[in-house]
Protein backbone atom coordinates (compact mmCIF):
# COMPACT_ATOMS: atom_id res chain seq x y z
CA MET A 1 108.54 7.26 37.06
CA ASP A 2 108.29 5.24 40.30
CA ARG A 3 107.26 7.46 43.20
CA VAL A 4 109.05 7.33 46.55
CA ARG A 5 106.94 5.89 49.30
CA VAL A 6 107.10 7.83 52.60
CA THR A 7 106.51 6.18 56.02
CA LEU A 8 107.58 9.00 58.34
CA THR A 9 105.52 9.71 61.43
CA GLY A 10 105.31 12.27 64.19
CA ALA A 11 107.16 15.57 63.87
CA GLN A 12 109.07 14.33 60.80
CA GLU A 13 105.82 13.72 58.91
CA THR A 14 104.75 17.35 59.33
CA MET A 15 107.49 18.40 56.86
CA LEU A 16 105.37 16.89 54.12
CA ALA A 17 102.54 19.32 54.87
CA THR A 18 104.83 22.32 54.58
CA LEU A 19 106.33 20.95 51.37
CA TYR A 20 102.78 20.61 49.98
CA GLY A 21 101.99 24.11 51.11
CA ARG A 22 104.94 25.54 49.14
CA ALA A 23 103.88 23.46 46.13
CA LEU A 24 100.31 24.74 46.29
CA ASP A 25 101.60 28.28 46.53
CA SER A 26 103.82 27.78 43.47
CA ALA A 27 100.74 26.91 41.39
CA ARG A 28 99.03 30.22 42.14
CA PRO A 29 99.36 33.13 39.70
CA ASN A 30 100.45 35.44 42.50
CA SER A 31 102.77 32.91 44.14
CA VAL A 32 104.89 34.13 47.05
CA LEU A 33 107.87 31.76 46.57
CA ASN A 34 107.48 30.39 43.02
CA ASP A 35 109.00 27.18 44.50
CA ALA A 36 108.95 24.96 41.43
CA ALA A 37 111.29 22.49 43.19
CA ALA A 38 108.71 21.92 45.86
CA ALA A 39 106.07 21.03 43.26
CA GLU A 40 108.56 18.63 41.60
CA ALA A 41 109.30 16.91 44.89
CA VAL A 42 105.60 16.48 45.65
CA ALA A 43 105.19 14.78 42.26
CA ARG A 44 107.96 12.30 43.12
CA LEU A 45 106.48 11.25 46.43
CA ASP A 46 103.86 8.54 47.09
CA TYR A 47 101.93 10.23 49.89
CA ASP A 48 98.38 11.44 50.60
CA PHE A 49 99.10 15.16 50.45
CA PRO A 50 95.45 16.30 50.34
CA GLY A 51 95.02 14.38 53.65
CA THR A 52 97.29 16.92 55.35
CA GLY A 53 94.39 19.38 55.50
CA MET A 54 96.50 22.08 53.85
CA THR A 55 94.18 24.82 52.49
CA THR A 56 95.06 27.63 50.15
CA THR A 57 95.15 30.04 53.05
CA SER A 58 97.46 27.72 55.06
CA ALA A 59 99.68 27.21 51.98
CA VAL A 60 100.15 30.93 51.40
CA GLY A 61 100.86 31.35 55.12
CA VAL A 62 103.58 28.66 54.90
CA ALA A 63 105.06 30.44 51.89
CA ILE A 64 105.02 33.89 53.55
CA ARG A 65 106.83 32.62 56.65
CA ALA A 66 109.41 30.95 54.44
CA TRP A 67 109.80 34.16 52.42
CA GLN A 68 110.46 36.20 55.54
CA LEU A 69 113.17 33.84 56.73
CA ASP A 70 114.66 33.82 53.24
CA ARG A 71 114.69 37.61 53.35
CA TRP A 72 116.52 37.75 56.63
CA LEU A 73 119.06 35.21 55.41
CA ARG A 74 119.69 37.12 52.22
CA GLN A 75 120.37 40.24 54.32
CA PHE A 76 122.83 38.32 56.46
CA LEU A 77 124.70 36.94 53.45
CA ALA A 78 124.71 40.27 51.56
CA ALA A 79 126.54 41.91 54.52
CA ARG A 80 129.32 39.26 54.58
CA HIS A 81 131.73 37.95 51.99
CA GLY A 82 132.06 34.34 52.88
CA ALA A 83 129.81 32.88 55.51
CA THR A 84 128.37 29.59 56.69
CA VAL A 85 124.69 28.72 56.69
CA VAL A 86 123.50 25.87 58.98
CA HIS A 87 119.91 24.97 58.11
CA LEU A 88 118.64 22.68 60.88
CA ALA A 89 115.65 20.36 60.42
CA CYS A 90 115.84 21.15 56.67
CA GLY A 91 113.31 18.41 55.83
CA LEU A 92 112.38 18.79 52.19
CA ASP A 93 112.82 22.56 52.16
CA THR A 94 114.38 23.98 49.03
CA ARG A 95 115.88 27.10 50.62
CA ALA A 96 119.38 26.46 49.24
CA HIS A 97 117.86 26.15 45.78
CA ARG A 98 115.72 29.28 46.19
CA LEU A 99 118.60 31.48 47.42
CA SER A 100 121.42 30.13 45.19
CA PRO A 101 123.93 31.77 47.55
CA GLY A 102 127.04 31.41 45.43
CA PRO A 103 130.43 29.67 45.83
CA ASP A 104 131.64 31.81 48.70
CA VAL A 105 128.93 30.50 51.04
CA ARG A 106 129.27 27.20 52.86
CA TRP A 107 125.82 25.65 53.26
CA VAL A 108 125.07 22.76 55.63
CA ASP A 109 121.59 21.16 55.56
CA VAL A 110 120.83 19.02 58.61
CA ASP A 111 118.08 16.56 59.44
CA LEU A 112 117.61 13.12 60.90
CA PRO A 113 118.97 10.23 58.84
CA ASP A 114 115.58 8.87 57.73
CA VAL A 115 114.59 12.32 56.55
CA VAL A 116 117.89 12.75 54.69
CA ALA A 117 117.27 9.38 52.97
CA VAL A 118 114.01 10.72 51.54
CA ARG A 119 115.49 14.05 50.62
CA GLU A 120 118.31 12.45 48.64
CA LYS A 121 115.72 10.62 46.52
CA VAL A 122 113.47 13.57 45.62
CA LEU A 123 115.63 16.73 45.70
CA PRO A 124 118.76 17.23 43.64
CA PRO A 125 121.62 18.82 45.57
CA PRO A 126 122.11 22.51 44.88
CA GLY A 127 125.37 23.72 43.50
CA GLY A 128 128.21 25.31 45.35
CA ASP A 129 129.80 24.43 48.71
CA TYR A 130 126.94 22.28 49.98
CA ARG A 131 126.76 19.45 52.45
CA LEU A 132 123.76 17.35 53.67
CA VAL A 133 124.19 15.81 57.13
CA GLY A 134 122.05 13.18 58.80
CA ALA A 135 122.10 14.10 62.47
CA SER A 136 119.98 15.45 65.34
CA ALA A 137 120.04 19.22 65.66
CA THR A 138 120.66 18.79 69.42
CA SER A 139 123.66 16.49 68.98
CA PRO A 140 126.96 17.91 70.29
CA GLU A 141 128.79 15.91 67.60
CA LEU A 142 126.91 17.77 64.88
CA TRP A 143 128.23 21.12 66.03
CA GLU A 144 131.78 19.86 66.38
CA SER A 145 131.65 18.68 62.76
CA ILE A 146 130.90 22.17 61.32
CA PRO A 147 133.93 24.42 60.71
CA ASP A 148 134.02 27.43 63.03
CA ASP A 149 136.07 29.73 60.83
CA ARG A 150 133.33 31.99 59.49
CA PRO A 151 130.32 34.10 60.54
CA THR A 152 127.45 31.66 60.65
CA ALA A 153 123.69 31.90 60.23
CA VAL A 154 121.78 29.15 61.99
CA LEU A 155 118.25 28.87 60.62
CA PHE A 156 115.47 26.47 61.55
CA GLU A 157 111.80 26.32 60.65
CA GLY A 158 109.24 24.01 62.25
CA LEU A 159 111.71 22.75 64.86
CA SER A 160 111.65 24.76 68.08
CA MET A 161 108.16 23.80 69.08
CA TYR A 162 108.97 20.11 69.01
CA LEU A 163 111.86 20.53 71.45
CA SER A 164 111.88 21.10 75.20
CA GLY A 165 112.94 24.46 76.56
CA ALA A 166 116.21 22.91 77.73
CA GLU A 167 116.87 21.52 74.30
CA VAL A 168 116.28 24.86 72.61
CA GLU A 169 118.58 26.62 75.10
CA GLY A 170 121.25 23.94 74.62
CA LEU A 171 121.04 24.28 70.82
CA VAL A 172 121.42 28.04 71.03
CA ARG A 173 124.29 27.93 73.45
CA ARG A 174 126.14 25.43 71.28
CA ALA A 175 125.78 27.71 68.26
CA VAL A 176 126.86 30.78 70.17
CA GLY A 177 129.80 28.97 71.70
CA ARG A 178 130.93 27.40 68.41
CA PHE A 179 131.05 30.23 65.90
CA PRO A 180 132.84 33.63 66.13
CA SER A 181 129.73 35.58 65.22
CA GLY A 182 126.46 35.17 63.42
CA GLU A 183 122.69 35.08 63.64
CA LEU A 184 119.92 32.69 64.55
CA MET A 185 116.59 32.87 62.72
CA PHE A 186 113.64 30.66 63.48
CA ASP A 187 109.87 30.40 64.07
CA VAL A 188 108.27 29.88 67.43
CA TYR A 189 104.82 29.22 68.85
CA GLY A 190 103.58 31.15 71.80
CA THR A 191 102.22 29.19 74.78
CA ILE A 192 98.69 29.73 73.46
CA GLY A 193 99.77 28.11 70.21
CA ILE A 194 101.10 25.12 72.13
CA ARG A 195 97.78 24.77 73.97
CA LEU A 196 95.82 24.88 70.72
CA GLN A 197 98.10 22.49 68.86
CA LYS A 198 95.42 19.97 68.05
CA LEU A 199 93.68 22.62 65.91
CA VAL A 200 96.58 22.41 63.47
CA PRO A 201 95.71 19.65 60.95
CA PRO A 202 99.25 18.43 60.13
CA VAL A 203 100.04 18.16 63.87
CA ARG A 204 96.80 16.34 64.65
CA ARG A 205 97.22 13.95 61.66
CA SER A 206 100.86 13.04 62.43
CA GLY A 207 100.41 12.57 66.18
CA ALA A 208 103.27 14.99 66.80
CA VAL A 209 103.43 16.79 70.15
CA LEU A 210 104.35 20.46 70.45
CA ARG A 211 106.35 21.26 73.63
CA TRP A 212 108.11 24.63 73.77
CA GLY A 213 106.45 28.01 73.47
CA LEU A 214 107.90 31.49 73.62
CA ASP A 215 105.80 34.50 74.59
CA ASP A 216 108.58 37.05 75.15
CA PRO A 217 111.05 37.17 72.23
CA THR A 218 113.66 38.89 74.42
CA GLY A 219 113.81 35.77 76.64
CA PRO A 220 116.56 33.99 74.65
CA GLU A 221 118.83 37.03 75.13
CA ALA A 222 119.76 35.32 78.40
CA TRP A 223 121.48 32.65 76.28
CA GLY A 224 123.98 35.04 74.68
CA LEU A 225 121.80 36.52 71.93
CA GLU A 226 120.60 39.99 70.99
CA LEU A 227 117.10 40.26 69.48
CA VAL A 228 117.23 42.13 66.16
CA GLY A 229 113.92 41.10 64.58
CA SER A 230 110.52 39.79 65.67
CA VAL A 231 107.41 39.54 63.50
CA ARG A 232 104.11 38.04 64.62
CA SER A 233 102.52 35.65 62.11
CA THR A 234 99.56 38.02 61.96
CA GLU A 235 101.82 40.92 60.93
CA LEU A 236 103.97 39.36 58.22
CA PRO A 237 104.34 41.11 54.88
CA MET A 238 102.61 40.03 51.70
CA ARG A 239 99.31 39.37 53.49
CA ASP A 240 97.56 40.64 50.34
CA ARG A 241 98.55 37.38 48.68
CA LEU A 242 96.15 35.51 50.99
CA PRO A 243 92.65 34.64 49.73
CA VAL A 244 89.96 36.98 50.98
CA ALA A 245 88.82 34.47 53.61
CA GLY A 246 92.37 34.16 54.82
CA ARG A 247 92.78 37.95 55.18
CA VAL A 248 89.58 38.14 57.18
CA GLN A 249 90.68 35.26 59.39
CA LEU A 250 94.04 36.83 60.01
CA GLY A 251 92.47 40.15 60.85
CA ILE A 252 90.23 38.56 63.43
CA VAL A 253 93.08 36.59 65.03
CA GLY A 254 95.30 39.69 64.99
CA ALA A 255 92.66 41.67 66.90
CA ILE A 256 92.55 39.22 69.84
CA PRO A 257 95.52 39.83 72.17
CA ARG A 258 95.88 36.27 73.31
CA LEU A 259 95.67 34.75 69.84
CA ARG A 260 97.91 37.23 67.98
CA ASP A 261 100.91 35.87 69.90
CA ALA A 262 100.29 32.27 68.86
CA GLY A 263 103.21 32.40 66.41
CA ARG A 264 106.06 34.60 65.30
CA LEU A 265 109.40 34.66 63.55
CA VAL A 266 112.46 35.82 65.48
CA ARG A 267 115.98 36.90 64.54
CA TYR A 268 118.95 37.22 66.90
CA ARG A 269 122.62 38.01 66.48
CA PHE A 270 125.64 36.99 68.48
CA PRO A 271 127.81 37.82 70.25
CA ALA A 272 125.27 40.01 72.04
């Protein structure tokens, strides 16, 4: 089988590290996600994955964060018969495959056209009411193209930190203004995480630049949201799946006030 060569750079290249992390996790006997589709995608790509610097600890961390967002999204869908999911900056994430949401859910995966071109070569489309869109998450035209007739969950992972504060606010306000009700779920870096960005191997390798950090998760409530969930990266569940060294490292970081706010997952609902 001919492998697909990847020439992405910058923020788009970092998606390959998270894909590799989920694949490494899937190979562990106590895997968090059991994401076999991620491992299959890695096998189809011509790319130096070990060069990402992804360690076992980092891989399990990637999987745990994805698991938490999956959990929140499952809760949202379980409470509603018929909903829309808009997964921004989907990259090579297999969330739609993992959740298998069923025919009553409209699922829209979104990423830039060059990312979509790679995705179409290495990941089969999931079943159901599914659409893959090549567009910028901050494009007004994207939001106008998504039907506004259902409660909608807007989810993004590994996106907010690459945007400016104004771009994040604009994205949120478009979602809140477009759909009748719903939730936003995403990961953020704190400002300390932004300052320490060059310590993150995939960021350093790709040349990407992190821009927006959030220290107070209630801040986005000014954009028409209500905070309903916030979990620091150091406090996520399933930490027992980490290698011993990873658990020790997480404990040390969690004990330092400045560092424990370096990253978190947040969940909001609207209308507030």
